[in-house]
C-alpha atoms as a PDB file:
ATOM      1  CA  UNK A   1    -210.499 -18.926  16.381  1.00  0.00           C
ATOM      2  CA  UNK A   2    -207.276 -17.249  17.130  1.00  0.00           C
ATOM      3  CA  UNK A   3    -205.195 -17.046  19.894  1.00  0.00           C
ATOM      4  CA  UNK A   4    -206.435 -13.306  20.654  1.00  0.00           C
ATOM      5  CA  UNK A   5    -210.184 -14.618  20.478  1.00  0.00           C
ATOM      6  CA  UNK A   6    -209.965 -17.017  22.790  1.00  0.00           C
ATOM      7  CA  UNK A   7    -207.950 -14.724  25.167  1.00  0.00           C
ATOM      8  CA  UNK A   8    -210.993 -11.994  24.629  1.00  0.00           C
ATOM      9  CA  UNK A   9    -213.860 -14.093  25.193  1.00  0.00           C
ATOM     10  CA  UNK A  10    -212.216 -15.656  28.481  1.00  0.00           C
ATOM     11  CA  UNK A  11    -211.260 -12.256  29.960  1.00  0.00           C
ATOM     12  CA  UNK A  12    -214.869 -11.435  29.503  1.00  0.00           C
ATOM     13  CA  UNK A  13    -216.386 -14.262  31.420  1.00  0.00           C
ATOM     14  CA  UNK A  14    -213.915 -13.527  34.283  1.00  0.00           C
ATOM     15  CA  UNK A  15    -214.789  -9.726  34.095  1.00  0.00           C
ATOM     16  CA  UNK A  16    -218.523 -10.706  33.865  1.00  0.00           C
ATOM     17  CA  UNK A  17    -218.062 -13.040  36.924  1.00  0.00           C
ATOM     18  CA  UNK A  18    -216.484 -10.319  38.980  1.00  0.00           C
ATOM     19  CA  UNK A  19    -219.139  -7.963  38.444  1.00  0.00           C
ATOM     20  CA  UNK A  20    -222.018 -10.730  39.247  1.00  0.00           C
ATOM     21  CA  UNK A  21    -219.841 -11.681  42.295  1.00  0.00           C
ATOM     22  CA  UNK A  22    -220.191  -8.050  43.270  1.00  0.00           C
ATOM     23  CA  UNK A  23    -223.868  -7.936  42.886  1.00  0.00           C
ATOM     24  CA  UNK A  24    -224.828 -11.013  44.192  1.00  0.00           C
ATOM     25  CA  UNK A  25    -222.534 -11.358  47.508  1.00  0.00           C
ATOM     26  CA  UNK A  26    -224.822  -8.493  49.301  1.00  0.00           C
ATOM     27  CA  UNK A  27    -227.633 -10.024  48.192  1.00  0.00           C
ATOM     28  CA  UNK A  28    -229.588 -12.101  51.142  1.00  0.00           C
ATOM     29  CA  UNK A  29    -232.030 -13.784  48.537  1.00  0.00           C
ATOM     30  CA  UNK A  30    -230.791 -14.722  45.256  1.00  0.00           C
ATOM     31  CA  UNK A  31    -233.869 -14.503  43.457  1.00  0.00           C
ATOM     32  CA  UNK A  32    -234.774 -16.339  39.573  1.00  0.00           C
ATOM     33  CA  UNK A  33    -234.920 -12.768  38.241  1.00  0.00           C
ATOM     34  CA  UNK A  34    -231.561 -11.973  39.446  1.00  0.00           C
ATOM     35  CA  UNK A  35    -229.933 -15.006  38.186  1.00  0.00           C
ATOM     36  CA  UNK A  36    -231.669 -14.626  34.801  1.00  0.00           C
ATOM     37  CA  UNK A  37    -230.444 -10.890  34.605  1.00  0.00           C
ATOM     38  CA  UNK A  38    -227.132 -12.221  35.345  1.00  0.00           C
ATOM     39  CA  UNK A  39    -227.137 -15.111  32.674  1.00  0.00           C
ATOM     40  CA  UNK A  40    -228.511 -12.468  29.899  1.00  0.00           C
ATOM     41  CA  UNK A  41    -226.285  -9.724  31.054  1.00  0.00           C
ATOM     42  CA  UNK A  42    -223.111 -11.611  30.686  1.00  0.00           C
ATOM     43  CA  UNK A  43    -224.773 -13.079  27.077  1.00  0.00           C
ATOM     44  CA  UNK A  44    -224.837  -9.575  26.097  1.00  0.00           C
ATOM     45  CA  UNK A  45    -221.382  -8.785  27.123  1.00  0.00           C
ATOM     46  CA  UNK A  46    -220.223 -11.851  25.377  1.00  0.00           C
ATOM     47  CA  UNK A  47    -221.900 -10.508  22.250  1.00  0.00           C
ATOM     48  CA  UNK A  48    -220.086  -7.149  21.893  1.00  0.00           C
ATOM     49  CA  UNK A  49    -216.921  -9.303  22.964  1.00  0.00           C
ATOM     50  CA  UNK A  50    -217.349 -11.644  19.880  1.00  0.00           C
ATOM     51  CA  UNK A  51    -218.418  -8.184  17.614  1.00  0.00           C
ATOM     52  CA  UNK A  52    -215.117  -6.812  18.697  1.00  0.00           C
ATOM     53  CA  UNK A  53    -213.165  -9.747  17.886  1.00  0.00           C
ATOM     54  CA  UNK A  54    -214.550 -11.196  14.444  1.00  0.00           C
ATOM     55  CA  UNK A  55    -215.845  -7.795  12.952  1.00  0.00           C
ATOM     56  CA  UNK A  56    -213.621  -5.131  14.174  1.00  0.00           C
ATOM     57  CA  UNK A  57    -210.252  -6.530  13.220  1.00  0.00           C
ATOM     58  CA  UNK A  58    -208.621  -3.299  13.443  1.00  0.00           C
ATOM     59  CA  UNK A  59    -209.260  -2.718  17.462  1.00  0.00           C
ATOM     60  CA  UNK A  60    -206.262  -3.336  19.570  1.00  0.00           C
ATOM     61  CA  UNK A  61    -206.654  -5.979  22.076  1.00  0.00           C
ATOM     62  CA  UNK A  62    -206.263  -3.427  25.416  1.00  0.00           C
ATOM     63  CA  UNK A  63    -208.779  -1.229  23.500  1.00  0.00           C
ATOM     64  CA  UNK A  64    -211.016  -4.014  23.468  1.00  0.00           C
ATOM     65  CA  UNK A  65    -209.882  -5.100  26.913  1.00  0.00           C
ATOM     66  CA  UNK A  66    -211.153  -1.528  28.200  1.00  0.00           C
ATOM     67  CA  UNK A  67    -214.263  -1.785  26.435  1.00  0.00           C
ATOM     68  CA  UNK A  68    -215.523  -5.485  27.840  1.00  0.00           C
ATOM     69  CA  UNK A  69    -214.572  -4.211  31.281  1.00  0.00           C
ATOM     70  CA  UNK A  70    -216.887  -1.316  31.452  1.00  0.00           C
ATOM     71  CA  UNK A  71    -219.496  -3.395  29.732  1.00  0.00           C
ATOM     72  CA  UNK A  72    -219.017  -5.922  32.572  1.00  0.00           C
ATOM     73  CA  UNK A  73    -219.357  -3.212  35.547  1.00  0.00           C
ATOM     74  CA  UNK A  74    -222.347  -1.455  33.754  1.00  0.00           C
ATOM     75  CA  UNK A  75    -224.241  -4.509  33.328  1.00  0.00           C
ATOM     76  CA  UNK A  76    -224.127  -5.148  37.175  1.00  0.00           C
ATOM     77  CA  UNK A  77    -224.742  -1.053  37.558  1.00  0.00           C
ATOM     78  CA  UNK A  78    -228.043  -1.122  35.664  1.00  0.00           C
ATOM     79  CA  UNK A  79    -229.564  -3.546  37.691  1.00  0.00           C
ATOM     80  CA  UNK A  80    -228.489  -2.022  40.857  1.00  0.00           C
ATOM     81  CA  UNK A  81    -229.472   1.556  39.692  1.00  0.00           C
ATOM     82  CA  UNK A  82    -232.835   0.474  38.771  1.00  0.00           C
ATOM     83  CA  UNK A  83    -233.746  -1.604  41.500  1.00  0.00           C
ATOM     84  CA  UNK A  84    -232.192   0.586  44.112  1.00  0.00           C
ATOM     85  CA  UNK A  85    -231.523   4.006  42.550  1.00  0.00           C
ATOM     86  CA  UNK A  86    -227.710   4.072  43.701  1.00  0.00           C
ATOM     87  CA  UNK A  87    -224.366   3.133  42.150  1.00  0.00           C
ATOM     88  CA  UNK A  88    -221.987   1.646  44.563  1.00  0.00           C
ATOM     89  CA  UNK A  89    -218.421   2.831  44.792  1.00  0.00           C
ATOM     90  CA  UNK A  90    -217.153  -0.858  44.573  1.00  0.00           C
ATOM     91  CA  UNK A  91    -218.137  -0.817  41.034  1.00  0.00           C
ATOM     92  CA  UNK A  92    -216.585   2.378  40.235  1.00  0.00           C
ATOM     93  CA  UNK A  93    -213.435   1.412  42.621  1.00  0.00           C
ATOM     94  CA  UNK A  94    -213.474  -1.810  40.183  1.00  0.00           C
ATOM     95  CA  UNK A  95    -213.606   0.533  36.812  1.00  0.00           C
ATOM     96  CA  UNK A  96    -210.790   2.536  38.346  1.00  0.00           C
ATOM     97  CA  UNK A  97    -208.764  -1.058  39.042  1.00  0.00           C
ATOM     98  CA  UNK A  98    -209.543  -2.121  35.378  1.00  0.00           C
ATOM     99  CA  UNK A  99    -208.323   1.105  33.470  1.00  0.00           C
ATOM    100  CA  UNK A 100    -205.048   0.916  35.681  1.00  0.00           C
ATOM    101  CA  UNK A 101    -204.901  -3.085  34.453  1.00  0.00           C
ATOM    102  CA  UNK A 102    -205.433  -1.747  30.977  1.00  0.00           C
ATOM    103  CA  UNK A 103    -202.260   0.645  30.986  1.00  0.00           C
ATOM    104  CA  UNK A 104    -200.244  -2.709  31.954  1.00  0.00           C
ATOM    105  CA  UNK A 105    -201.838  -4.718  29.418  1.00  0.00           C
ATOM    106  CA  UNK A 106    -201.124  -2.205  26.695  1.00  0.00           C
ATOM    107  CA  UNK A 107    -197.417  -1.538  28.032  1.00  0.00           C
ATOM    108  CA  UNK A 108    -197.399  -5.495  27.173  1.00  0.00           C
ATOM    109  CA  UNK A 109    -198.458  -5.113  23.721  1.00  0.00           C
ATOM    110  CA  UNK A 110    -195.955  -2.829  23.188  1.00  0.00           C
ATOM    111  CA  UNK A 111    -198.184   0.516  21.780  1.00  0.00           C
ATOM    112  CA  UNK A 112    -196.769   3.556  20.572  1.00  0.00           C
ATOM    113  CA  UNK A 113    -199.538   5.399  21.611  1.00  0.00           C
ATOM    114  CA  UNK A 114    -200.039   4.791  25.370  1.00  0.00           C
ATOM    115  CA  UNK A 115    -199.171   8.153  26.408  1.00  0.00           C
ATOM    116  CA  UNK A 116    -201.924   9.932  24.204  1.00  0.00           C
ATOM    117  CA  UNK A 117    -204.124   7.044  25.437  1.00  0.00           C
ATOM    118  CA  UNK A 118    -203.921   7.944  29.035  1.00  0.00           C
ATOM    119  CA  UNK A 119    -204.176  11.739  28.157  1.00  0.00           C
ATOM    120  CA  UNK A 120    -207.297  11.130  26.220  1.00  0.00           C
ATOM    121  CA  UNK A 121    -208.761   8.811  28.743  1.00  0.00           C
ATOM    122  CA  UNK A 122    -208.554  11.397  31.630  1.00  0.00           C
ATOM    123  CA  UNK A 123    -209.301  14.516  29.238  1.00  0.00           C
ATOM    124  CA  UNK A 124    -212.423  12.434  28.637  1.00  0.00           C
ATOM    125  CA  UNK A 125    -213.077  11.726  32.245  1.00  0.00           C
ATOM    126  CA  UNK A 126    -212.718  15.427  33.257  1.00  0.00           C
ATOM    127  CA  UNK A 127    -214.990  16.442  30.436  1.00  0.00           C
ATOM    128  CA  UNK A 128    -217.973  14.014  31.546  1.00  0.00           C
ATOM    129  CA  UNK A 129    -217.064  14.855  35.220  1.00  0.00           C
ATOM    130  CA  UNK A 130    -217.515  18.598  34.594  1.00  0.00           C
ATOM    131  CA  UNK A 131    -220.338  18.379  32.364  1.00  0.00           C
ATOM    132  CA  UNK A 132    -222.142  15.948  34.420  1.00  0.00           C
ATOM    133  CA  UNK A 133    -221.247  18.131  37.672  1.00  0.00           C
ATOM    134  CA  UNK A 134    -222.972  21.197  35.721  1.00  0.00           C
ATOM    135  CA  UNK A 135    -226.038  19.195  35.164  1.00  0.00           C
ATOM    136  CA  UNK A 136    -226.415  17.966  38.737  1.00  0.00           C
ATOM    137  CA  UNK A 137    -226.254  21.451  39.771  1.00  0.00           C
ATOM    138  CA  UNK A 138    -228.261  23.385  36.974  1.00  0.00           C
ATOM    139  CA  UNK A 139    -231.141  20.363  37.030  1.00  0.00           C
ATOM    140  CA  UNK A 140    -231.723  19.102  40.547  1.00  0.00           C
ATOM    141  CA  UNK A 141    -232.368  15.411  40.575  1.00  0.00           C
ATOM    142  CA  UNK A 142    -231.028  15.114  36.991  1.00  0.00           C
ATOM    143  CA  UNK A 143    -228.330  12.867  37.677  1.00  0.00           C
ATOM    144  CA  UNK A 144    -226.670  11.695  41.180  1.00  0.00           C
ATOM    145  CA  UNK A 145    -223.341  11.299  42.656  1.00  0.00           C
ATOM    146  CA  UNK A 146    -223.010   7.859  41.530  1.00  0.00           C
ATOM    147  CA  UNK A 147    -223.788   8.948  38.057  1.00  0.00           C
ATOM    148  CA  UNK A 148    -221.228  11.071  38.134  1.00  0.00           C
ATOM    149  CA  UNK A 149    -218.633   8.823  39.506  1.00  0.00           C
ATOM    150  CA  UNK A 150    -219.416   6.387  36.403  1.00  0.00           C
ATOM    151  CA  UNK A 151    -219.191   8.985  33.858  1.00  0.00           C
ATOM    152  CA  UNK A 152    -215.178   9.289  35.023  1.00  0.00           C
ATOM    153  CA  UNK A 153    -214.974   5.542  34.678  1.00  0.00           C
ATOM    154  CA  UNK A 154    -216.589   5.544  31.359  1.00  0.00           C
ATOM    155  CA  UNK A 155    -214.301   8.555  30.224  1.00  0.00           C
ATOM    156  CA  UNK A 156    -211.150   6.626  31.304  1.00  0.00           C
ATOM    157  CA  UNK A 157    -212.179   3.337  29.720  1.00  0.00           C
ATOM    158  CA  UNK A 158    -213.503   4.867  26.331  1.00  0.00           C
ATOM    159  CA  UNK A 159    -211.143   7.907  25.915  1.00  0.00           C
ATOM    160  CA  UNK A 160    -212.109  10.926  24.042  1.00  0.00           C
ATOM    161  CA  UNK A 161    -212.932   8.779  20.694  1.00  0.00           C
ATOM    162  CA  UNK A 162    -215.454   6.366  22.233  1.00  0.00           C
ATOM    163  CA  UNK A 163    -217.265   8.431  24.721  1.00  0.00           C
ATOM    164  CA  UNK A 164    -219.398  10.467  22.111  1.00  0.00           C
ATOM    165  CA  UNK A 165    -221.369   8.100  20.662  1.00  0.00           C
ATOM    166  CA  UNK A 166    -222.371   6.358  24.167  1.00  0.00           C
ATOM    167  CA  UNK A 167    -223.105   9.368  25.260  1.00  0.00           C
ATOM    168  CA  UNK A 168    -225.371  10.367  22.648  1.00  0.00           C
ATOM    169  CA  UNK A 169    -227.398   6.812  22.553  1.00  0.00           C
ATOM    170  CA  UNK A 170    -227.494   7.025  26.503  1.00  0.00           C
ATOM    171  CA  UNK A 171    -229.307  10.254  26.492  1.00  0.00           C
ATOM    172  CA  UNK A 172    -231.366   9.435  23.486  1.00  0.00           C
ATOM    173  CA  UNK A 173    -232.762   6.532  25.561  1.00  0.00           C
ATOM    174  CA  UNK A 174    -232.980   8.226  28.816  1.00  0.00           C
ATOM    175  CA  UNK A 175    -235.160  10.965  27.212  1.00  0.00           C
ATOM    176  CA  UNK A 176    -237.044   8.296  25.807  1.00  0.00           C
ATOM    177  CA  UNK A 177    -237.508   6.321  28.853  1.00  0.00           C
ATOM    178  CA  UNK A 178    -238.236   9.229  31.042  1.00  0.00           C
ATOM    179  CA  UNK A 179    -241.167   9.946  28.697  1.00  0.00           C
ATOM    180  CA  UNK A 180    -242.394   6.634  28.890  1.00  0.00           C
ATOM    181  CA  UNK A 181    -242.422   6.756  32.489  1.00  0.00           C
ATOM    182  CA  UNK A 182    -244.410  10.044  32.380  1.00  0.00           C
ATOM    183  CA  UNK A 183    -247.067   9.260  29.884  1.00  0.00           C
ATOM    184  CA  UNK A 184    -247.688   5.758  31.779  1.00  0.00           C
ATOM    185  CA  UNK A 185    -247.856   7.819  34.762  1.00  0.00           C
ATOM    186  CA  UNK A 186    -245.123   5.141  36.678  1.00  0.00           C
ATOM    187  CA  UNK A 187    -243.132   8.179  37.522  1.00  0.00           C
ATOM    188  CA  UNK A 188    -243.896  11.827  38.361  1.00  0.00           C
ATOM    189  CA  UNK A 189    -241.783  14.899  37.131  1.00  0.00           C
ATOM    190  CA  UNK A 190    -240.403  15.040  40.611  1.00  0.00           C
ATOM    191  CA  UNK A 191    -239.442  11.249  41.052  1.00  0.00           C
ATOM    192  CA  UNK A 192    -236.065  10.392  40.813  1.00  0.00           C
ATOM    193  CA  UNK A 193    -235.229   7.985  37.619  1.00  0.00           C
ATOM    194  CA  UNK A 194    -232.328   5.787  37.323  1.00  0.00           C
ATOM    195  CA  UNK A 195    -229.943   6.872  34.724  1.00  0.00           C
ATOM    196  CA  UNK A 196    -227.545   3.395  34.603  1.00  0.00           C
ATOM    197  CA  UNK A 197    -229.712   1.512  32.622  1.00  0.00           C
ATOM    198  CA  UNK A 198    -229.867   4.081  29.980  1.00  0.00           C
ATOM    199  CA  UNK A 199    -226.166   4.145  30.388  1.00  0.00           C
ATOM    200  CA  UNK A 200    -225.467   0.829  29.928  1.00  0.00           C
ATOM    201  CA  UNK A 201    -227.731  -0.094  27.029  1.00  0.00           C
ATOM    202  CA  UNK A 202    -226.417   3.111  25.338  1.00  0.00           C
ATOM    203  CA  UNK A 203    -222.707   1.998  25.947  1.00  0.00           C
ATOM    204  CA  UNK A 204    -223.902  -1.910  24.842  1.00  0.00           C
ATOM    205  CA  UNK A 205    -225.332  -0.129  21.712  1.00  0.00           C
ATOM    206  CA  UNK A 206    -222.376   2.096  20.733  1.00  0.00           C
ATOM    207  CA  UNK A 207    -219.969  -0.702  20.882  1.00  0.00           C
ATOM    208  CA  UNK A 208    -222.038  -3.148  19.042  1.00  0.00           C
ATOM    209  CA  UNK A 209    -222.745  -0.733  16.465  1.00  0.00           C
ATOM    210  CA  UNK A 210    -219.452   1.225  15.789  1.00  0.00           C
ATOM    211  CA  UNK A 211    -216.684  -0.812  17.746  1.00  0.00           C
ATOM    212  CA  UNK A 212    -215.804   2.410  18.835  1.00  0.00           C
END
């Protein structure tokens, strides 16, 4: 195992630890379900971290860092959004901090494409912001303000090259989930549905299958 591999695994554990801390610190009761979810969430993030390091050798370490940072946030976001139908700003701020830190990591790595990558991230974030805002305006209740902010974080951390497959898989999963809830009558057409879990799973699958 190379030094970079060990470093990425350690980074994954730290980032997941931060997200889990944010998740549980405001919970008065730490239920067994929450603890099990946190363990599973960290395990899934670790799987993608290992996939990126061992199978997608062409990826730069700063690129892998950005993807793992996003997954660590979204694992906790999925739980909160599913149980409370909201996405706390703490996760959005954490994502913005991770993106800024990733720029410093890229500088340390001596990347020649840092300016292009920053521009790519900003364009992706702007595109997702505009698209999600239009969706919110045109289709009432389709997505919430938290979803829009999460889209911006996704754009920053994934860039133009990474957002398309993640968004596509997320939309497909969201559609399937919505149909399931409607058929089983667990939700009505006017009921709000959490989009965070679909975004988290879709992004995880996209990274697992393509390495972005």
